[in-house]
Protein backbone atom coordinates (compact mmCIF):
# COMPACT_ATOMS: atom_id res chain seq x y z
CA MET A 1 91.15 101.94 163.67
CA ARG A 2 91.69 98.20 163.73
CA ARG A 3 89.61 96.40 161.12
CA LEU A 4 87.78 93.58 162.83
CA ALA A 5 86.02 90.63 161.24
CA LEU A 6 82.29 91.23 161.48
CA PRO A 7 80.68 88.46 163.56
CA LEU A 8 77.54 86.88 162.18
CA VAL A 9 75.95 86.56 165.57
CA ALA A 10 72.37 85.85 166.47
CA VAL A 11 70.70 89.21 167.01
CA ALA A 12 67.05 89.93 167.68
CA LEU A 13 65.32 90.74 164.42
CA VAL A 14 63.84 94.20 164.21
CA LEU A 15 60.43 93.83 162.59
CA GLY A 16 58.24 96.50 161.11
CA LEU A 17 58.22 100.23 161.65
CA ALA A 18 54.80 101.24 162.90
CA ALA A 19 55.93 104.74 163.92
CA PRO A 20 57.48 107.34 161.60
CA ALA A 21 61.23 107.03 161.05
CA SER A 22 61.81 110.17 163.12
CA ALA A 23 60.45 108.35 166.16
CA GLN A 24 63.62 106.30 166.22
CA GLY A 25 65.41 109.38 167.57
CA LEU A 26 68.04 109.54 164.82
CA LEU A 27 66.11 112.00 162.66
CA VAL A 28 64.70 115.23 164.05
CA ASP A 29 62.64 117.96 162.44
CA THR A 30 63.02 121.73 162.57
CA ALA A 31 60.30 122.19 165.20
CA TRP A 32 62.07 119.76 167.55
CA LEU A 33 65.40 121.53 167.15
CA ALA A 34 64.00 125.06 167.34
CA THR A 35 62.70 124.46 170.87
CA ARG A 36 66.05 123.12 172.10
CA LEU A 37 68.59 125.66 170.85
CA GLU A 38 69.40 126.81 174.38
CA ASN A 39 69.95 123.33 175.79
CA ALA A 40 73.38 123.12 177.42
CA ASP A 41 73.88 119.51 176.34
CA LEU A 42 73.18 120.21 172.65
CA ARG A 43 75.87 120.49 169.96
CA ILE A 44 74.69 121.41 166.45
CA VAL A 45 77.16 120.67 163.65
CA ASP A 46 76.89 122.58 160.37
CA MET A 47 78.28 120.68 157.36
CA VAL A 48 77.02 123.06 154.67
CA GLY A 49 79.67 123.45 151.97
CA GLU A 50 82.71 125.51 152.92
CA VAL A 51 83.38 127.59 156.00
CA GLU A 52 82.56 130.75 154.02
CA ASP A 53 78.98 129.52 153.62
CA TYR A 54 78.78 128.87 157.34
CA GLN A 55 80.11 132.33 158.16
CA LYS A 56 77.37 133.98 156.08
CA ALA A 57 74.54 132.33 158.01
CA HIS A 58 73.94 129.22 160.10
CA ILE A 59 71.60 127.82 162.73
CA PRO A 60 72.23 129.55 166.08
CA GLY A 61 74.77 127.67 168.18
CA ALA A 62 76.07 125.55 165.31
CA VAL A 63 79.78 124.86 164.84
CA HIS A 64 81.15 124.17 161.36
CA LEU A 65 82.83 120.99 160.12
CA ASN A 66 84.01 120.27 156.60
CA VAL A 67 83.21 116.74 155.46
CA ASN A 68 86.92 116.07 154.90
CA ASP A 69 87.54 116.67 158.60
CA ALA A 70 85.30 113.69 159.38
CA ARG A 71 87.45 111.32 157.32
CA VAL A 72 91.14 110.80 156.56
CA ALA A 73 92.55 110.80 153.03
CA VAL A 74 94.44 107.66 151.98
CA PRO A 75 97.49 107.98 149.67
CA ALA A 76 96.14 105.19 147.44
CA GLY A 77 92.92 107.16 146.95
CA GLY A 78 89.72 107.61 148.89
CA PHE A 79 89.34 107.90 152.64
CA ARG A 80 89.27 105.93 155.85
CA LEU A 81 87.63 106.54 159.19
CA PRO A 82 89.66 108.36 161.84
CA THR A 83 91.45 106.22 164.39
CA ALA A 84 90.38 106.36 168.03
CA GLU A 85 93.06 108.97 168.69
CA GLU A 86 92.06 111.04 165.66
CA GLY A 87 88.42 110.67 166.65
CA ALA A 88 89.15 111.91 170.15
CA ARG A 89 90.77 115.04 168.74
CA LEU A 90 87.79 115.61 166.45
CA LEU A 91 85.26 115.25 169.24
CA THR A 92 87.28 117.48 171.53
CA SER A 93 87.53 120.22 168.90
CA LEU A 94 83.75 120.19 168.43
CA GLY A 95 83.04 120.31 172.15
CA ILE A 96 81.36 116.92 172.09
CA GLY A 97 81.40 114.83 175.25
CA PRO A 98 79.86 111.44 176.03
CA ASP A 99 76.58 113.06 177.15
CA THR A 100 76.34 115.63 174.36
CA ARG A 101 73.26 115.50 172.11
CA VAL A 102 74.62 115.97 168.58
CA VAL A 103 72.42 117.18 165.70
CA ILE A 104 74.05 117.41 162.26
CA TYR A 105 72.74 119.25 159.21
CA ASP A 106 73.87 120.18 155.70
CA ASP A 107 72.41 121.41 152.42
CA SER A 108 72.75 118.13 150.51
CA GLY A 109 69.91 115.97 151.78
CA GLY A 110 71.99 114.63 154.65
CA LEU A 111 74.88 113.47 152.45
CA ASN A 112 77.67 115.22 154.35
CA ALA A 113 75.89 114.86 157.67
CA SER A 114 75.66 111.09 157.18
CA ARG A 115 79.44 110.83 156.77
CA LEU A 116 79.91 112.32 160.22
CA PHE A 117 77.06 110.17 161.54
CA PHE A 118 78.88 107.06 160.30
CA ALA A 119 82.08 108.11 162.07
CA LEU A 120 80.32 108.94 165.33
CA ASP A 121 78.29 105.72 165.20
CA VAL A 122 81.50 103.72 164.85
CA PHE A 123 82.91 105.76 167.74
CA GLY A 124 79.98 104.57 169.86
CA HIS A 125 78.31 107.95 170.34
CA THR A 126 74.62 107.27 170.97
CA LYS A 127 73.02 110.73 171.33
CA LEU A 128 73.09 111.49 167.65
CA ALA A 129 70.66 112.69 164.99
CA LEU A 130 70.36 114.35 161.57
CA LEU A 131 68.14 117.36 160.90
CA ASP A 132 65.58 116.27 158.32
CA GLY A 133 65.73 118.55 155.29
CA GLY A 134 68.82 120.37 156.52
CA ILE A 135 69.28 124.12 156.28
CA GLN A 136 66.69 124.31 153.48
CA ALA A 137 63.95 123.00 155.78
CA TRP A 138 65.10 125.40 158.51
CA ARG A 139 64.80 128.36 156.13
CA ARG A 140 61.43 127.18 154.77
CA ALA A 141 60.14 127.16 158.33
CA GLY A 142 61.19 130.81 158.71
CA LEU A 143 63.50 130.01 161.62
CA PRO A 144 66.38 132.30 162.60
CA VAL A 145 69.95 132.12 161.34
CA THR A 146 72.99 133.94 162.66
CA THR A 147 76.56 134.90 161.86
CA ASP A 148 77.67 134.47 165.48
CA ILE A 149 80.34 131.79 165.80
CA PRO A 150 80.36 129.81 169.05
CA ARG A 151 83.60 128.74 170.69
CA PRO A 152 82.85 125.45 172.44
CA ALA A 153 85.00 124.50 175.38
CA PRO A 154 87.09 121.39 174.68
CA ILE A 155 85.79 118.22 176.32
CA GLU A 156 88.01 115.20 176.84
CA TYR A 157 86.23 112.27 175.22
CA ARG A 158 87.86 109.05 174.07
CA PRO A 159 85.51 107.10 171.80
CA ALA A 160 84.78 103.42 172.37
CA VAL A 161 85.34 102.20 168.82
CA HIS A 162 82.93 99.59 167.43
CA GLY A 163 85.20 97.93 164.88
CA GLU A 164 82.47 95.51 163.83
CA ARG A 165 80.69 98.44 162.15
CA VAL A 166 83.49 98.73 159.58
CA ALA A 167 83.97 96.06 156.90
CA SER A 168 87.25 95.32 155.18
CA ALA A 169 87.70 94.10 151.60
CA GLU A 170 89.04 90.83 152.92
CA TRP A 171 86.01 90.21 155.12
CA ILE A 172 83.64 90.92 152.22
CA ARG A 173 85.64 88.70 149.85
CA ASP A 174 85.58 85.82 152.33
CA HIS A 175 81.79 86.06 152.75
CA LEU A 176 80.72 86.58 149.15
CA GLY A 177 77.80 84.32 148.28
CA ALA A 178 76.62 83.90 151.87
CA ARG A 179 72.85 84.05 152.13
CA SER A 180 73.21 85.92 155.39
CA LEU A 181 75.04 88.82 153.67
CA ALA A 182 73.48 91.76 151.78
CA LEU A 183 75.73 94.23 149.95
CA VAL A 184 74.21 97.61 149.05
CA ASP A 185 75.88 99.68 146.32
CA ALA A 186 74.78 103.31 146.74
CA ARG A 187 76.35 104.57 143.48
CA THR A 188 74.60 105.46 140.23
CA PRO A 189 73.38 102.67 137.94
CA ALA A 190 76.08 103.66 135.42
CA GLU A 191 78.82 103.16 138.02
CA TYR A 192 77.24 99.90 139.16
CA THR A 193 77.29 98.43 135.64
CA GLY A 194 80.77 99.75 134.86
CA LYS A 195 79.61 102.18 132.19
CA ASP A 196 80.88 105.02 134.39
CA ARG A 197 84.30 103.77 135.55
CA ARG A 198 85.95 105.62 138.42
CA ALA A 199 88.70 103.11 139.22
CA LYS A 200 91.00 100.85 137.21
CA ARG A 201 88.10 98.44 136.85
CA GLY A 202 84.41 99.19 136.49
CA GLY A 203 81.46 97.24 137.80
CA HIS A 204 80.36 96.20 141.26
CA ILE A 205 81.06 93.72 144.03
CA PRO A 206 79.48 90.35 143.10
CA GLY A 207 76.08 89.93 144.70
CA ALA A 208 75.61 93.61 145.51
CA VAL A 209 72.27 95.28 144.79
CA ASN A 210 72.15 98.82 143.46
CA ILE A 211 70.01 101.28 145.44
CA GLU A 212 71.26 104.77 144.67
CA TRP A 213 71.47 106.98 147.76
CA ARG A 214 69.13 109.61 146.27
CA SER A 215 66.35 107.01 146.39
CA ASN A 216 66.19 107.64 150.15
CA LEU A 217 64.94 111.19 149.64
CA ARG A 218 61.85 113.10 148.59
CA LYS A 219 62.12 115.88 146.01
CA ASP A 220 62.57 118.47 148.78
CA TRP A 221 65.53 116.46 150.12
CA THR A 222 63.78 115.32 153.26
CA PHE A 223 63.83 111.59 153.98
CA LYS A 224 61.03 109.39 152.70
CA PRO A 225 58.69 107.82 155.29
CA GLY A 226 60.07 104.84 157.15
CA ASP A 227 57.61 102.31 155.74
CA GLU A 228 58.45 103.40 152.18
CA LEU A 229 62.19 103.17 152.82
CA ARG A 230 61.86 99.75 154.43
CA ALA A 231 59.80 98.41 151.54
CA MET A 232 62.36 99.68 149.03
CA TYR A 233 65.24 97.84 150.71
CA VAL A 234 63.30 94.67 151.50
CA ALA A 235 62.22 94.44 147.85
CA GLN A 236 65.91 94.17 146.92
CA GLY A 237 66.58 91.46 149.49
CA VAL A 238 68.11 93.83 152.03
CA THR A 239 66.32 92.49 155.10
CA PRO A 240 67.00 93.09 158.82
CA ASP A 241 67.93 89.45 159.46
CA LYS A 242 71.04 89.77 157.26
CA MET A 243 74.45 91.29 157.81
CA VAL A 244 74.22 94.41 155.63
CA VAL A 245 77.32 96.16 154.25
CA THR A 246 77.10 99.49 152.42
CA TYR A 247 79.58 100.88 149.92
CA CYS A 248 79.95 103.40 147.07
CA GLN A 249 83.08 105.04 145.65
CA THR A 250 84.49 106.43 148.90
CA HIS A 251 81.72 105.62 151.42
CA HIS A 252 80.34 109.14 151.20
CA ARG A 253 77.07 108.29 149.45
CA ALA A 254 77.04 104.90 151.17
CA ALA A 255 77.13 106.63 154.55
CA HIS A 256 73.72 108.04 153.62
CA THR A 257 72.45 104.49 153.09
CA TYR A 258 74.14 103.40 156.32
CA PHE A 259 72.25 106.14 158.16
CA VAL A 260 68.91 105.11 156.65
CA LEU A 261 69.38 101.46 157.59
CA ARG A 262 70.41 102.48 161.11
CA LEU A 263 67.30 104.70 161.20
CA LEU A 264 65.16 101.70 160.21
CA GLY A 265 66.62 99.68 163.05
CA TYR A 266 68.71 97.20 161.07
CA PRO A 267 70.69 95.43 163.82
CA LYS A 268 73.60 94.02 161.78
CA LEU A 269 75.13 96.79 159.75
CA ALA A 270 78.60 97.85 158.61
CA GLY A 271 80.15 100.26 156.14
CA TYR A 272 82.97 99.39 153.75
CA ASP A 273 84.72 102.72 154.18
CA ARG A 274 87.41 102.09 151.54
CA SER A 275 84.67 101.17 149.04
CA TRP A 276 85.10 100.98 145.25
CA ILE A 277 88.20 103.19 145.13
CA GLU A 278 89.94 100.25 146.80
CA TRP A 279 87.96 97.29 145.40
CA GLY A 280 88.03 98.52 141.81
CA ASN A 281 91.79 99.11 141.89
CA ARG A 282 92.72 95.71 143.34
CA ASP A 283 93.21 92.94 140.77
CA ASP A 284 92.89 90.24 143.45
CA LEU A 285 89.22 91.02 144.15
CA PRO A 286 86.34 89.76 141.98
CA ILE A 287 83.97 92.08 140.16
CA ALA A 288 80.66 91.79 138.32
CA LYS A 289 79.05 93.96 135.65
């Protein structure tokens, strides 16, 4: 995927969230999904742990995807998004076409599911949602699981890549200090301050605010209400009028934040997919502690 400079263009400001976050269409509940299992245009993607977990029990009709199949390992460490060609192969293998309604779930509060969401959002797929509460919510509702493994027919689908939804280190460096930019660090406070160092250098990108990804969730690992989420980000200066860039160590946890901000309707949003594993290991980039 070609890394494009993110344009700071004038975009209509999304104000308020009068309806629940699920009304945005990117987050569905178990009742919604349970009534649509037979829909021909639906593709459910299971991202619960390893394939052995999937084989033991999964939501009927779901295909399995390991989180590492939604990203590409980089020799220097960490991951990058698939290219358009790699993305096309991924979509084809999952039986996802341009008109397919995709619902993703996991057992980690949407952590793995958000990584695939980020990739598909960059690929321009619009019919896309996470299952709120994942497999745990499905089981709590007493809904059926199966061991049957579907074999989806391949669908030729070449994604229309939105390169502006991916930030590079160079773009971030060149815009540091801009009032129109908000950087969100989704790591733990210890990583943010450099106490927990997971690269050659510890700390954070200058100007970034620390909102750990778990702050998006209730204790039962469902997402907090939209108004509560919005207030949490706005209180840290992460407002919809700004260009918002998310990052963590490898843009796994940050993909969760990316999903939440997309759910809240933030119009100018990008993920730094190389994240701290790149920034913290490059001596030419500034850091703060």
